[in-house]
N, C-alpha and C. Protein backbone atom coordinates (compact mmCIF):
# COMPACT_ATOMS: atom_id res chain seq x y z
N UNK A 1 -23.57 -1.66 -9.74
CA UNK A 1 -22.70 -2.14 -8.67
C UNK A 1 -21.43 -1.30 -8.58
N UNK A 2 -20.83 -0.95 -9.74
CA UNK A 2 -19.59 -0.17 -9.73
C UNK A 2 -19.82 1.21 -9.12
N UNK A 3 -20.99 1.82 -9.41
CA UNK A 3 -21.30 3.12 -8.84
C UNK A 3 -21.38 3.03 -7.33
N UNK A 4 -22.01 1.96 -6.83
CA UNK A 4 -22.13 1.78 -5.39
C UNK A 4 -20.75 1.63 -4.76
N UNK A 5 -19.89 0.83 -5.39
CA UNK A 5 -18.55 0.59 -4.85
C UNK A 5 -17.73 1.88 -4.82
N UNK A 6 -17.81 2.67 -5.89
CA UNK A 6 -17.04 3.91 -5.93
C UNK A 6 -17.58 4.93 -4.94
N UNK A 7 -18.89 4.90 -4.70
CA UNK A 7 -19.47 5.77 -3.67
C UNK A 7 -18.94 5.39 -2.30
N UNK A 8 -18.88 4.07 -2.05
CA UNK A 8 -18.33 3.59 -0.78
C UNK A 8 -16.87 3.97 -0.65
N UNK A 9 -16.13 3.91 -1.76
CA UNK A 9 -14.71 4.28 -1.72
C UNK A 9 -14.55 5.74 -1.36
N UNK A 10 -15.38 6.60 -1.92
CA UNK A 10 -15.30 8.03 -1.62
C UNK A 10 -15.55 8.26 -0.13
N UNK A 11 -16.52 7.54 0.42
CA UNK A 11 -16.80 7.68 1.85
C UNK A 11 -15.64 7.16 2.67
N UNK A 12 -15.03 6.06 2.24
CA UNK A 12 -13.88 5.50 2.95
C UNK A 12 -12.71 6.47 2.92
N UNK A 13 -12.46 7.08 1.77
CA UNK A 13 -11.37 8.04 1.66
C UNK A 13 -11.61 9.23 2.57
N UNK A 14 -12.85 9.69 2.64
CA UNK A 14 -13.16 10.82 3.52
C UNK A 14 -12.89 10.44 4.97
N UNK A 15 -13.28 9.21 5.34
CA UNK A 15 -13.10 8.76 6.72
C UNK A 15 -11.63 8.65 7.07
N UNK A 16 -10.85 8.03 6.20
CA UNK A 16 -9.45 7.80 6.52
C UNK A 16 -8.64 9.08 6.46
N UNK A 17 -9.13 10.08 5.75
CA UNK A 17 -8.38 11.34 5.65
C UNK A 17 -8.67 12.29 6.79
N UNK A 18 -9.70 12.01 7.58
CA UNK A 18 -10.03 12.89 8.69
C UNK A 18 -8.92 12.91 9.72
N UNK A 19 -8.89 13.96 10.54
CA UNK A 19 -7.92 14.03 11.62
C UNK A 19 -8.08 12.81 12.49
N UNK A 20 -7.01 12.08 12.68
CA UNK A 20 -7.08 10.82 13.39
C UNK A 20 -6.59 10.96 14.81
N UNK A 21 -7.32 10.34 15.78
CA UNK A 21 -6.82 10.35 17.15
C UNK A 21 -5.57 9.52 17.29
N UNK A 22 -5.27 8.70 16.26
CA UNK A 22 -4.07 7.88 16.28
C UNK A 22 -2.89 8.61 15.67
N UNK A 23 -3.11 9.80 15.12
CA UNK A 23 -2.10 10.46 14.31
C UNK A 23 -0.78 10.70 15.00
N UNK A 24 -0.79 10.85 16.33
CA UNK A 24 0.45 11.16 17.03
C UNK A 24 1.13 9.92 17.61
N UNK A 25 0.61 8.72 17.31
CA UNK A 25 1.21 7.52 17.89
C UNK A 25 2.10 6.79 16.89
N UNK A 26 2.08 7.18 15.63
CA UNK A 26 2.91 6.51 14.64
C UNK A 26 4.37 6.94 14.79
N UNK A 27 5.26 5.97 14.73
CA UNK A 27 6.69 6.28 14.76
C UNK A 27 7.09 6.89 13.44
N UNK A 28 7.81 8.00 13.47
CA UNK A 28 8.27 8.65 12.25
C UNK A 28 9.76 8.36 12.08
N UNK A 29 10.17 8.09 10.85
CA UNK A 29 11.57 7.79 10.58
C UNK A 29 12.09 8.69 9.48
N UNK A 30 13.40 8.90 9.48
CA UNK A 30 14.02 9.73 8.46
C UNK A 30 14.82 8.91 7.46
N UNK A 31 15.27 7.72 7.87
CA UNK A 31 16.07 6.88 6.99
C UNK A 31 15.52 5.45 6.97
N UNK A 32 14.66 5.12 6.00
CA UNK A 32 14.09 3.77 5.92
C UNK A 32 15.13 2.66 5.75
N UNK A 33 16.30 3.01 5.23
CA UNK A 33 17.31 1.98 5.00
C UNK A 33 17.87 1.42 6.31
N UNK A 34 17.56 2.08 7.41
CA UNK A 34 18.01 1.58 8.70
C UNK A 34 17.00 0.62 9.33
N UNK A 35 15.88 0.38 8.65
CA UNK A 35 14.80 -0.43 9.19
C UNK A 35 14.78 -1.80 8.50
N UNK A 36 14.60 -2.86 9.29
CA UNK A 36 14.53 -4.21 8.75
C UNK A 36 13.16 -4.47 8.14
N UNK A 37 13.11 -5.42 7.21
CA UNK A 37 11.85 -5.75 6.56
C UNK A 37 10.89 -6.44 7.51
N UNK A 38 11.42 -7.35 8.32
CA UNK A 38 10.60 -8.15 9.21
C UNK A 38 10.93 -7.84 10.66
N UNK A 39 9.88 -7.65 11.45
CA UNK A 39 10.02 -7.36 12.88
C UNK A 39 9.23 -8.40 13.65
N UNK A 40 9.93 -9.42 14.17
CA UNK A 40 9.27 -10.55 14.85
C UNK A 40 8.28 -11.21 13.90
N UNK A 41 7.00 -11.19 14.25
CA UNK A 41 5.98 -11.82 13.42
C UNK A 41 5.27 -10.83 12.50
N UNK A 42 5.81 -9.63 12.40
CA UNK A 42 5.17 -8.59 11.60
C UNK A 42 6.12 -8.07 10.52
N UNK A 43 5.55 -7.31 9.59
CA UNK A 43 6.31 -6.71 8.52
C UNK A 43 6.31 -5.19 8.73
N UNK A 44 7.45 -4.58 8.54
CA UNK A 44 7.54 -3.13 8.66
C UNK A 44 7.18 -2.45 7.34
N UNK A 45 6.38 -1.41 7.42
CA UNK A 45 6.01 -0.63 6.23
C UNK A 45 6.28 0.85 6.50
N UNK A 46 6.95 1.49 5.55
CA UNK A 46 7.18 2.93 5.62
C UNK A 46 6.16 3.61 4.72
N UNK A 47 5.38 4.51 5.29
CA UNK A 47 4.31 5.16 4.55
C UNK A 47 4.85 6.34 3.73
N UNK A 48 4.53 6.32 2.44
CA UNK A 48 4.85 7.43 1.55
C UNK A 48 3.63 8.32 1.34
N UNK A 49 2.50 7.69 1.02
CA UNK A 49 1.29 8.43 0.68
C UNK A 49 0.20 8.15 1.71
N UNK A 50 -0.23 9.16 2.46
CA UNK A 50 -1.29 8.95 3.45
C UNK A 50 -2.62 8.60 2.79
N UNK A 51 -3.42 7.83 3.48
CA UNK A 51 -4.78 7.55 3.01
C UNK A 51 -5.52 8.87 2.83
N UNK A 52 -6.28 8.96 1.74
CA UNK A 52 -7.04 10.17 1.47
C UNK A 52 -6.31 11.20 0.64
N UNK A 53 -5.05 10.91 0.25
CA UNK A 53 -4.29 11.85 -0.58
C UNK A 53 -4.30 11.39 -2.03
N UNK A 54 -4.18 12.35 -2.95
CA UNK A 54 -4.04 11.99 -4.36
C UNK A 54 -2.70 12.48 -4.93
N UNK A 55 -1.79 12.88 -4.03
CA UNK A 55 -0.45 13.29 -4.46
C UNK A 55 0.50 12.10 -4.38
N UNK A 56 1.23 11.86 -5.45
CA UNK A 56 2.16 10.73 -5.51
C UNK A 56 3.46 11.14 -4.83
N UNK A 57 3.73 10.53 -3.69
CA UNK A 57 4.94 10.83 -2.92
C UNK A 57 5.82 9.58 -2.90
N UNK A 58 7.11 9.77 -3.09
CA UNK A 58 8.05 8.66 -3.07
C UNK A 58 9.25 8.99 -2.20
N UNK A 59 9.91 7.93 -1.73
CA UNK A 59 11.13 8.15 -0.95
C UNK A 59 12.33 8.10 -1.87
N UNK A 60 13.18 9.11 -1.77
CA UNK A 60 14.42 9.18 -2.52
C UNK A 60 15.58 9.14 -1.53
N UNK A 61 16.58 8.31 -1.82
CA UNK A 61 17.68 8.12 -0.87
C UNK A 61 18.42 9.42 -0.58
N UNK A 62 18.48 10.31 -1.54
CA UNK A 62 19.21 11.57 -1.35
C UNK A 62 18.32 12.70 -0.87
N UNK A 63 17.11 12.78 -1.41
CA UNK A 63 16.24 13.92 -1.11
C UNK A 63 15.22 13.65 -0.01
N UNK A 64 15.04 12.37 0.35
CA UNK A 64 14.02 12.01 1.33
C UNK A 64 12.67 11.82 0.68
N UNK A 65 11.60 12.17 1.38
CA UNK A 65 10.26 12.02 0.84
C UNK A 65 9.93 13.23 -0.03
N UNK A 66 9.66 12.95 -1.31
CA UNK A 66 9.44 14.03 -2.28
C UNK A 66 8.22 13.71 -3.14
N UNK A 67 7.64 14.77 -3.71
CA UNK A 67 6.57 14.59 -4.68
C UNK A 67 7.13 14.01 -5.96
N UNK A 68 6.51 12.94 -6.43
CA UNK A 68 6.94 12.34 -7.70
C UNK A 68 6.62 13.31 -8.84
N UNK A 69 7.43 13.26 -9.89
CA UNK A 69 7.27 14.20 -11.01
C UNK A 69 6.88 13.46 -12.29
N UNK A 70 6.12 14.15 -13.12
CA UNK A 70 5.85 13.67 -14.47
C UNK A 70 7.04 13.98 -15.36
N UNK A 71 7.01 13.49 -16.57
CA UNK A 71 8.12 13.71 -17.51
C UNK A 71 8.34 15.19 -17.79
N UNK A 72 7.28 16.00 -17.68
CA UNK A 72 7.41 17.44 -17.95
C UNK A 72 7.82 18.24 -16.71
N UNK A 73 8.08 17.54 -15.61
CA UNK A 73 8.51 18.21 -14.39
C UNK A 73 7.40 18.61 -13.44
N UNK A 74 6.16 18.45 -13.86
CA UNK A 74 5.03 18.80 -13.00
C UNK A 74 4.81 17.73 -11.94
N UNK A 75 4.19 18.13 -10.84
CA UNK A 75 3.92 17.19 -9.76
C UNK A 75 2.91 16.15 -10.20
N UNK A 76 3.20 14.90 -9.91
CA UNK A 76 2.31 13.81 -10.31
C UNK A 76 1.14 13.72 -9.35
N UNK A 77 -0.06 13.79 -9.89
CA UNK A 77 -1.29 13.72 -9.09
C UNK A 77 -2.17 12.62 -9.66
N UNK A 78 -2.75 11.82 -8.77
CA UNK A 78 -3.66 10.77 -9.18
C UNK A 78 -4.98 11.40 -9.60
N UNK A 79 -5.35 11.32 -10.87
CA UNK A 79 -6.57 11.92 -11.38
C UNK A 79 -7.73 10.94 -11.23
N UNK A 80 -7.94 10.56 -10.00
CA UNK A 80 -9.02 9.62 -9.67
C UNK A 80 -9.34 9.85 -8.20
N UNK A 81 -10.12 9.00 -7.59
CA UNK A 81 -10.36 9.11 -6.16
C UNK A 81 -9.05 8.92 -5.41
N UNK A 82 -8.90 9.53 -4.24
CA UNK A 82 -7.64 9.44 -3.50
C UNK A 82 -7.38 8.02 -2.97
N UNK A 83 -6.18 7.83 -2.49
CA UNK A 83 -5.75 6.51 -2.01
C UNK A 83 -6.68 6.01 -0.91
N UNK A 84 -7.18 4.76 -1.03
CA UNK A 84 -8.11 4.20 -0.05
C UNK A 84 -7.43 3.63 1.19
N UNK A 85 -6.13 3.75 1.27
CA UNK A 85 -5.36 3.29 2.42
C UNK A 85 -4.01 3.98 2.41
N UNK A 86 -3.22 3.74 3.43
CA UNK A 86 -1.86 4.30 3.47
C UNK A 86 -0.95 3.46 2.58
N UNK A 87 -0.28 4.13 1.66
CA UNK A 87 0.52 3.43 0.65
C UNK A 87 2.00 3.64 0.92
N UNK A 88 2.75 2.56 0.91
CA UNK A 88 4.17 2.67 1.16
C UNK A 88 4.93 1.45 0.70
N UNK A 89 6.07 1.21 1.34
CA UNK A 89 6.93 0.12 0.90
C UNK A 89 7.55 -0.58 2.11
N UNK A 90 8.07 -1.77 1.84
CA UNK A 90 8.72 -2.55 2.89
C UNK A 90 10.21 -2.28 2.81
N UNK A 91 10.77 -1.62 3.81
CA UNK A 91 12.22 -1.37 3.80
C UNK A 91 12.96 -2.69 3.88
N UNK A 92 14.16 -2.71 3.33
CA UNK A 92 14.94 -3.95 3.36
C UNK A 92 14.51 -4.96 2.32
N UNK A 93 13.67 -4.52 1.36
CA UNK A 93 13.32 -5.39 0.22
C UNK A 93 13.74 -4.70 -1.07
N UNK A 94 14.08 -5.52 -2.06
CA UNK A 94 14.46 -4.99 -3.37
C UNK A 94 14.08 -6.02 -4.42
N UNK A 95 13.18 -5.62 -5.33
CA UNK A 95 12.71 -6.51 -6.38
C UNK A 95 13.66 -6.40 -7.57
N UNK A 96 14.68 -7.23 -7.54
CA UNK A 96 15.76 -7.20 -8.53
C UNK A 96 15.23 -7.47 -9.93
N UNK A 97 15.53 -6.58 -10.87
CA UNK A 97 15.07 -6.75 -12.25
C UNK A 97 15.65 -8.00 -12.89
N UNK A 98 16.82 -8.42 -12.43
CA UNK A 98 17.45 -9.63 -12.97
C UNK A 98 16.67 -10.89 -12.59
N UNK A 99 15.82 -10.75 -11.57
CA UNK A 99 15.00 -11.88 -11.11
C UNK A 99 13.52 -11.66 -11.42
N UNK A 100 13.24 -10.72 -12.31
CA UNK A 100 11.86 -10.48 -12.69
C UNK A 100 11.15 -9.40 -11.91
N UNK A 101 11.89 -8.66 -11.05
CA UNK A 101 11.28 -7.59 -10.28
C UNK A 101 11.23 -6.28 -11.03
N UNK A 102 10.72 -5.24 -10.36
CA UNK A 102 10.57 -3.93 -11.02
C UNK A 102 11.63 -2.93 -10.60
N UNK A 103 12.61 -3.38 -9.81
CA UNK A 103 13.69 -2.49 -9.41
C UNK A 103 13.40 -1.61 -8.21
N UNK A 104 12.29 -1.86 -7.54
CA UNK A 104 11.92 -1.08 -6.36
C UNK A 104 11.67 -2.01 -5.18
N UNK A 105 11.35 -1.40 -4.03
CA UNK A 105 10.94 -2.19 -2.87
C UNK A 105 9.50 -2.67 -3.06
N UNK A 106 9.09 -3.66 -2.26
CA UNK A 106 7.73 -4.16 -2.32
C UNK A 106 6.73 -3.10 -1.88
N UNK A 107 5.65 -2.95 -2.63
CA UNK A 107 4.61 -1.97 -2.32
C UNK A 107 3.56 -2.59 -1.40
N UNK A 108 3.01 -1.75 -0.51
CA UNK A 108 1.98 -2.21 0.42
C UNK A 108 0.90 -1.14 0.57
N UNK A 109 -0.34 -1.59 0.60
CA UNK A 109 -1.46 -0.72 0.96
C UNK A 109 -1.92 -1.14 2.35
N UNK A 110 -1.79 -0.22 3.32
CA UNK A 110 -2.16 -0.50 4.70
C UNK A 110 -3.56 0.08 4.96
N UNK A 111 -4.49 -0.79 5.32
CA UNK A 111 -5.87 -0.37 5.57
C UNK A 111 -5.96 0.14 7.00
N UNK A 112 -5.98 1.44 7.15
CA UNK A 112 -6.05 2.06 8.48
C UNK A 112 -6.39 3.53 8.32
N UNK A 113 -6.56 4.22 9.44
CA UNK A 113 -6.74 5.66 9.39
C UNK A 113 -5.49 6.31 8.81
N UNK A 114 -5.64 7.51 8.31
CA UNK A 114 -4.54 8.18 7.62
C UNK A 114 -3.34 8.36 8.54
N UNK A 115 -2.17 7.98 8.03
CA UNK A 115 -0.91 8.11 8.75
C UNK A 115 0.01 9.06 7.99
N UNK A 116 0.77 9.90 8.67
CA UNK A 116 1.62 10.87 7.98
C UNK A 116 2.72 10.20 7.16
N UNK A 117 3.16 10.89 6.13
CA UNK A 117 4.31 10.45 5.35
C UNK A 117 5.51 10.26 6.28
N UNK A 118 6.20 9.13 6.10
CA UNK A 118 7.36 8.84 6.94
C UNK A 118 7.04 7.99 8.14
N UNK A 119 5.76 7.65 8.33
CA UNK A 119 5.38 6.79 9.46
C UNK A 119 5.89 5.37 9.24
N UNK A 120 6.29 4.74 10.32
CA UNK A 120 6.69 3.34 10.29
C UNK A 120 5.59 2.53 10.97
N UNK A 121 4.97 1.62 10.24
CA UNK A 121 3.86 0.85 10.78
C UNK A 121 4.15 -0.65 10.68
N UNK A 122 4.28 -1.35 11.78
CA UNK A 122 4.34 -2.82 11.74
C UNK A 122 2.96 -3.34 11.32
N UNK A 123 2.93 -4.25 10.35
CA UNK A 123 1.66 -4.70 9.80
C UNK A 123 1.57 -6.22 9.72
N UNK A 124 0.33 -6.66 9.51
CA UNK A 124 0.03 -8.06 9.25
C UNK A 124 -0.47 -8.16 7.82
N UNK A 125 0.22 -8.84 6.93
CA UNK A 125 -0.27 -8.97 5.55
C UNK A 125 -1.47 -9.91 5.51
N UNK A 126 -2.52 -9.50 4.78
CA UNK A 126 -3.71 -10.34 4.67
C UNK A 126 -3.95 -10.78 3.23
N UNK A 127 -3.12 -10.35 2.30
CA UNK A 127 -3.31 -10.77 0.93
C UNK A 127 -2.40 -10.01 -0.02
N UNK A 128 -2.55 -10.32 -1.30
CA UNK A 128 -1.77 -9.65 -2.33
C UNK A 128 -2.62 -9.54 -3.59
N UNK A 129 -2.56 -8.37 -4.22
CA UNK A 129 -3.26 -8.13 -5.48
C UNK A 129 -2.23 -8.04 -6.59
N UNK A 130 -2.35 -8.92 -7.58
CA UNK A 130 -1.40 -8.94 -8.70
C UNK A 130 -2.02 -8.20 -9.87
N UNK A 131 -1.29 -7.20 -10.36
CA UNK A 131 -1.72 -6.37 -11.48
C UNK A 131 -0.78 -6.55 -12.66
N UNK A 132 -1.26 -6.18 -13.84
CA UNK A 132 -0.39 -6.06 -15.00
C UNK A 132 -0.39 -4.60 -15.42
N UNK A 133 0.77 -3.97 -15.33
CA UNK A 133 0.91 -2.55 -15.60
C UNK A 133 1.96 -2.38 -16.70
N UNK A 134 1.53 -1.91 -17.86
CA UNK A 134 2.41 -1.73 -19.02
C UNK A 134 3.15 -3.03 -19.35
N UNK A 135 2.43 -4.13 -19.24
CA UNK A 135 2.97 -5.42 -19.63
C UNK A 135 3.75 -6.14 -18.55
N UNK A 136 3.98 -5.48 -17.41
CA UNK A 136 4.75 -6.08 -16.33
C UNK A 136 3.86 -6.37 -15.12
N UNK A 137 4.17 -7.45 -14.41
CA UNK A 137 3.42 -7.79 -13.21
C UNK A 137 3.80 -6.85 -12.08
N UNK A 138 2.80 -6.31 -11.42
CA UNK A 138 3.00 -5.36 -10.32
C UNK A 138 2.21 -5.89 -9.12
N UNK A 139 2.92 -6.27 -8.08
CA UNK A 139 2.29 -6.87 -6.91
C UNK A 139 2.09 -5.83 -5.81
N UNK A 140 0.87 -5.75 -5.30
CA UNK A 140 0.54 -4.86 -4.19
C UNK A 140 0.12 -5.73 -3.00
N UNK A 141 0.90 -5.68 -1.94
CA UNK A 141 0.50 -6.38 -0.73
C UNK A 141 -0.58 -5.56 -0.01
N UNK A 142 -1.52 -6.25 0.59
CA UNK A 142 -2.58 -5.61 1.36
C UNK A 142 -2.40 -6.02 2.82
N UNK A 143 -2.44 -5.03 3.73
CA UNK A 143 -2.12 -5.33 5.12
C UNK A 143 -2.95 -4.48 6.06
N UNK A 144 -2.97 -4.91 7.33
CA UNK A 144 -3.59 -4.13 8.40
C UNK A 144 -2.54 -3.89 9.48
N UNK A 145 -2.67 -2.83 10.29
CA UNK A 145 -1.69 -2.60 11.35
C UNK A 145 -1.66 -3.76 12.34
N UNK A 146 -0.48 -4.06 12.85
CA UNK A 146 -0.35 -5.11 13.87
C UNK A 146 -0.96 -4.66 15.19
N UNK A 147 -0.91 -3.36 15.45
CA UNK A 147 -1.48 -2.79 16.66
C UNK A 147 -3.01 -2.79 16.54
N UNK A 148 -3.69 -3.55 17.39
CA UNK A 148 -5.14 -3.66 17.30
C UNK A 148 -5.85 -2.32 17.46
N UNK A 149 -5.25 -1.40 18.21
CA UNK A 149 -5.88 -0.09 18.41
C UNK A 149 -5.89 0.74 17.13
N UNK A 150 -5.07 0.36 16.14
CA UNK A 150 -5.00 1.09 14.88
C UNK A 150 -5.78 0.40 13.76
N UNK A 151 -6.39 -0.73 14.07
CA UNK A 151 -7.11 -1.48 13.05
C UNK A 151 -8.53 -0.94 12.89
N UNK A 152 -8.91 -0.70 11.63
CA UNK A 152 -10.30 -0.33 11.34
C UNK A 152 -11.01 -1.47 10.61
N UNK A 153 -10.25 -2.43 10.15
CA UNK A 153 -10.78 -3.58 9.44
C UNK A 153 -10.02 -4.81 9.97
N UNK A 154 -10.51 -5.42 11.04
CA UNK A 154 -9.75 -6.47 11.73
C UNK A 154 -9.83 -7.84 11.07
N UNK A 155 -9.53 -7.92 9.80
CA UNK A 155 -9.48 -9.22 9.12
C UNK A 155 -8.21 -9.95 9.56
N UNK A 156 -8.32 -11.22 9.86
CA UNK A 156 -7.18 -11.98 10.35
C UNK A 156 -6.36 -12.62 9.25
N UNK A 157 -6.99 -12.85 8.10
CA UNK A 157 -6.31 -13.47 6.96
C UNK A 157 -7.12 -13.18 5.70
N UNK A 158 -6.67 -13.72 4.57
CA UNK A 158 -7.34 -13.41 3.31
C UNK A 158 -8.76 -13.98 3.26
N UNK A 159 -8.96 -15.17 3.80
CA UNK A 159 -10.30 -15.76 3.79
C UNK A 159 -11.27 -14.89 4.57
N UNK A 160 -10.85 -14.43 5.73
CA UNK A 160 -11.67 -13.53 6.54
C UNK A 160 -11.95 -12.24 5.77
N UNK A 161 -10.93 -11.71 5.14
CA UNK A 161 -11.05 -10.48 4.34
C UNK A 161 -12.05 -10.66 3.20
N UNK A 162 -11.92 -11.77 2.47
CA UNK A 162 -12.75 -12.01 1.29
C UNK A 162 -14.21 -12.30 1.65
N UNK A 163 -14.42 -12.95 2.79
CA UNK A 163 -15.79 -13.32 3.17
C UNK A 163 -16.50 -12.19 3.93
N UNK A 164 -15.82 -11.66 4.93
CA UNK A 164 -16.47 -10.69 5.82
C UNK A 164 -16.31 -9.23 5.39
N UNK A 165 -15.33 -8.98 4.53
CA UNK A 165 -15.09 -7.59 4.09
C UNK A 165 -14.92 -7.54 2.56
N UNK A 166 -15.75 -8.31 1.88
CA UNK A 166 -15.60 -8.41 0.43
C UNK A 166 -15.84 -7.08 -0.27
N UNK A 167 -16.72 -6.26 0.27
CA UNK A 167 -16.96 -4.94 -0.33
C UNK A 167 -15.69 -4.11 -0.31
N UNK A 168 -14.94 -4.18 0.80
CA UNK A 168 -13.67 -3.46 0.89
C UNK A 168 -12.67 -4.02 -0.12
N UNK A 169 -12.64 -5.34 -0.26
CA UNK A 169 -11.74 -5.96 -1.24
C UNK A 169 -12.06 -5.48 -2.65
N UNK A 170 -13.35 -5.40 -2.99
CA UNK A 170 -13.75 -4.95 -4.32
C UNK A 170 -13.42 -3.48 -4.53
N UNK A 171 -13.56 -2.67 -3.48
CA UNK A 171 -13.21 -1.25 -3.59
C UNK A 171 -11.73 -1.09 -3.93
N UNK A 172 -10.88 -1.84 -3.21
CA UNK A 172 -9.44 -1.78 -3.46
C UNK A 172 -9.12 -2.24 -4.88
N UNK A 173 -9.76 -3.32 -5.31
CA UNK A 173 -9.53 -3.83 -6.67
C UNK A 173 -9.94 -2.80 -7.71
N UNK A 174 -11.11 -2.20 -7.54
CA UNK A 174 -11.58 -1.20 -8.50
C UNK A 174 -10.72 0.05 -8.50
N UNK A 175 -10.20 0.42 -7.35
CA UNK A 175 -9.35 1.59 -7.29
C UNK A 175 -8.06 1.37 -8.10
N UNK A 176 -7.39 0.25 -7.86
CA UNK A 176 -6.16 -0.03 -8.60
C UNK A 176 -6.43 -0.24 -10.09
N UNK A 177 -7.61 -0.71 -10.42
CA UNK A 177 -7.95 -0.90 -11.83
C UNK A 177 -8.11 0.42 -12.57
N UNK A 178 -8.44 1.49 -11.84
CA UNK A 178 -8.78 2.76 -12.48
C UNK A 178 -7.87 3.94 -12.17
N UNK A 179 -6.97 3.82 -11.19
CA UNK A 179 -6.26 5.01 -10.72
C UNK A 179 -5.28 5.59 -11.73
N UNK A 180 -4.88 4.82 -12.71
CA UNK A 180 -3.98 5.34 -13.74
C UNK A 180 -4.72 5.70 -15.03
N UNK A 181 -6.03 5.52 -15.02
CA UNK A 181 -6.81 5.81 -16.22
C UNK A 181 -7.42 4.53 -16.78
N UNK A 182 -8.31 4.70 -17.71
CA UNK A 182 -9.03 3.56 -18.28
C UNK A 182 -8.09 2.65 -19.07
N UNK A 183 -8.21 1.36 -18.85
CA UNK A 183 -7.48 0.32 -19.59
C UNK A 183 -5.96 0.42 -19.45
N UNK A 184 -5.48 1.06 -18.39
CA UNK A 184 -4.04 1.15 -18.16
C UNK A 184 -3.52 0.01 -17.30
N UNK A 185 -4.38 -0.52 -16.44
CA UNK A 185 -3.99 -1.57 -15.51
C UNK A 185 -4.96 -2.74 -15.65
N UNK A 186 -4.43 -3.95 -15.57
CA UNK A 186 -5.24 -5.16 -15.65
C UNK A 186 -5.11 -5.94 -14.34
N UNK A 187 -6.24 -6.42 -13.82
CA UNK A 187 -6.22 -7.26 -12.64
C UNK A 187 -5.88 -8.69 -13.06
N UNK A 188 -4.86 -9.26 -12.45
CA UNK A 188 -4.51 -10.65 -12.74
C UNK A 188 -5.23 -11.59 -11.78
N UNK A 189 -4.98 -11.41 -10.48
CA UNK A 189 -5.65 -12.27 -9.49
C UNK A 189 -5.31 -11.78 -8.08
N UNK A 190 -6.04 -12.32 -7.12
CA UNK A 190 -5.74 -12.13 -5.71
C UNK A 190 -5.00 -13.36 -5.18
N UNK A 191 -4.14 -13.14 -4.21
CA UNK A 191 -3.47 -14.23 -3.50
C UNK A 191 -3.64 -14.01 -2.00
N UNK A 192 -3.36 -15.06 -1.22
CA UNK A 192 -3.61 -14.98 0.22
C UNK A 192 -2.39 -14.48 0.99
N UNK A 193 -2.51 -14.51 2.32
CA UNK A 193 -1.45 -14.00 3.19
C UNK A 193 -0.17 -14.81 3.11
N UNK A 194 -0.29 -16.10 2.80
CA UNK A 194 0.91 -16.94 2.67
C UNK A 194 1.74 -16.49 1.46
N UNK A 195 1.06 -16.18 0.38
CA UNK A 195 1.74 -15.67 -0.81
C UNK A 195 2.42 -14.34 -0.49
N UNK A 196 1.72 -13.49 0.26
CA UNK A 196 2.29 -12.18 0.62
C UNK A 196 3.59 -12.36 1.43
N UNK A 197 3.56 -13.26 2.39
CA UNK A 197 4.77 -13.52 3.18
C UNK A 197 5.90 -14.06 2.32
N UNK A 198 5.57 -14.93 1.38
CA UNK A 198 6.59 -15.49 0.49
C UNK A 198 7.22 -14.40 -0.38
N UNK A 199 6.41 -13.42 -0.79
CA UNK A 199 6.95 -12.31 -1.57
C UNK A 199 7.96 -11.51 -0.74
N UNK A 200 7.64 -11.29 0.52
CA UNK A 200 8.56 -10.55 1.39
C UNK A 200 9.87 -11.33 1.54
N UNK A 201 9.76 -12.61 1.80
CA UNK A 201 10.97 -13.42 1.97
C UNK A 201 11.77 -13.50 0.67
N UNK A 202 11.06 -13.55 -0.45
CA UNK A 202 11.72 -13.66 -1.75
C UNK A 202 12.56 -12.43 -2.05
N UNK A 203 12.03 -11.25 -1.73
CA UNK A 203 12.70 -10.00 -2.11
C UNK A 203 13.44 -9.33 -0.95
N UNK A 204 13.47 -9.99 0.20
CA UNK A 204 14.18 -9.44 1.35
C UNK A 204 15.68 -9.40 1.07
N UNK A 205 16.29 -8.25 1.31
CA UNK A 205 17.72 -8.10 1.10
C UNK A 205 18.47 -8.79 2.22
N UNK A 206 19.43 -9.60 1.86
CA UNK A 206 20.20 -10.31 2.87
C UNK A 206 21.06 -9.34 3.67
N UNK A 207 21.00 -9.46 4.98
CA UNK A 207 21.76 -8.56 5.84
C UNK A 207 23.20 -9.03 5.99
């Protein structure tokens, strides 16, 4: 079963990394700090790592979007299959370490065709995957674009996702379980879209 899932993931990564007809419709931003976390009924996500990439890219307030570095100064590369979705963060959120957070913004995996680094995508959260990474809880929100023309997996909520797209859910789970190496990450549990929204509200920076 795991071999089948990873084969499907490789195909998904190839698909999402292809030149997208949607590629020129994403709004590009230079300063995520100017963007609110919530936009009407949707959540804003700033993309750091395009789907289909294995290069770890992060946003730095001073340098902008940069390749993340290892301790030895080399560029950090995911030594596994590439990202199965567009990976980024919710601007206007901060997971305060004093409240049990990791000191960063909330992370999101957006299931859609590959979007360039710096893209701003309004999304609909459909769930959350809770991981344990080096002893700390690491929450990854899972979302789809709010724009129906950009949706490749039109799940409306977590129940729809789990029932009708369970293979995709398992692919995402297996990817996060293995992307840092064997036995580095532990899956805690999945939560639904209501939990995802509560996480955004919990860590949203007061304006």
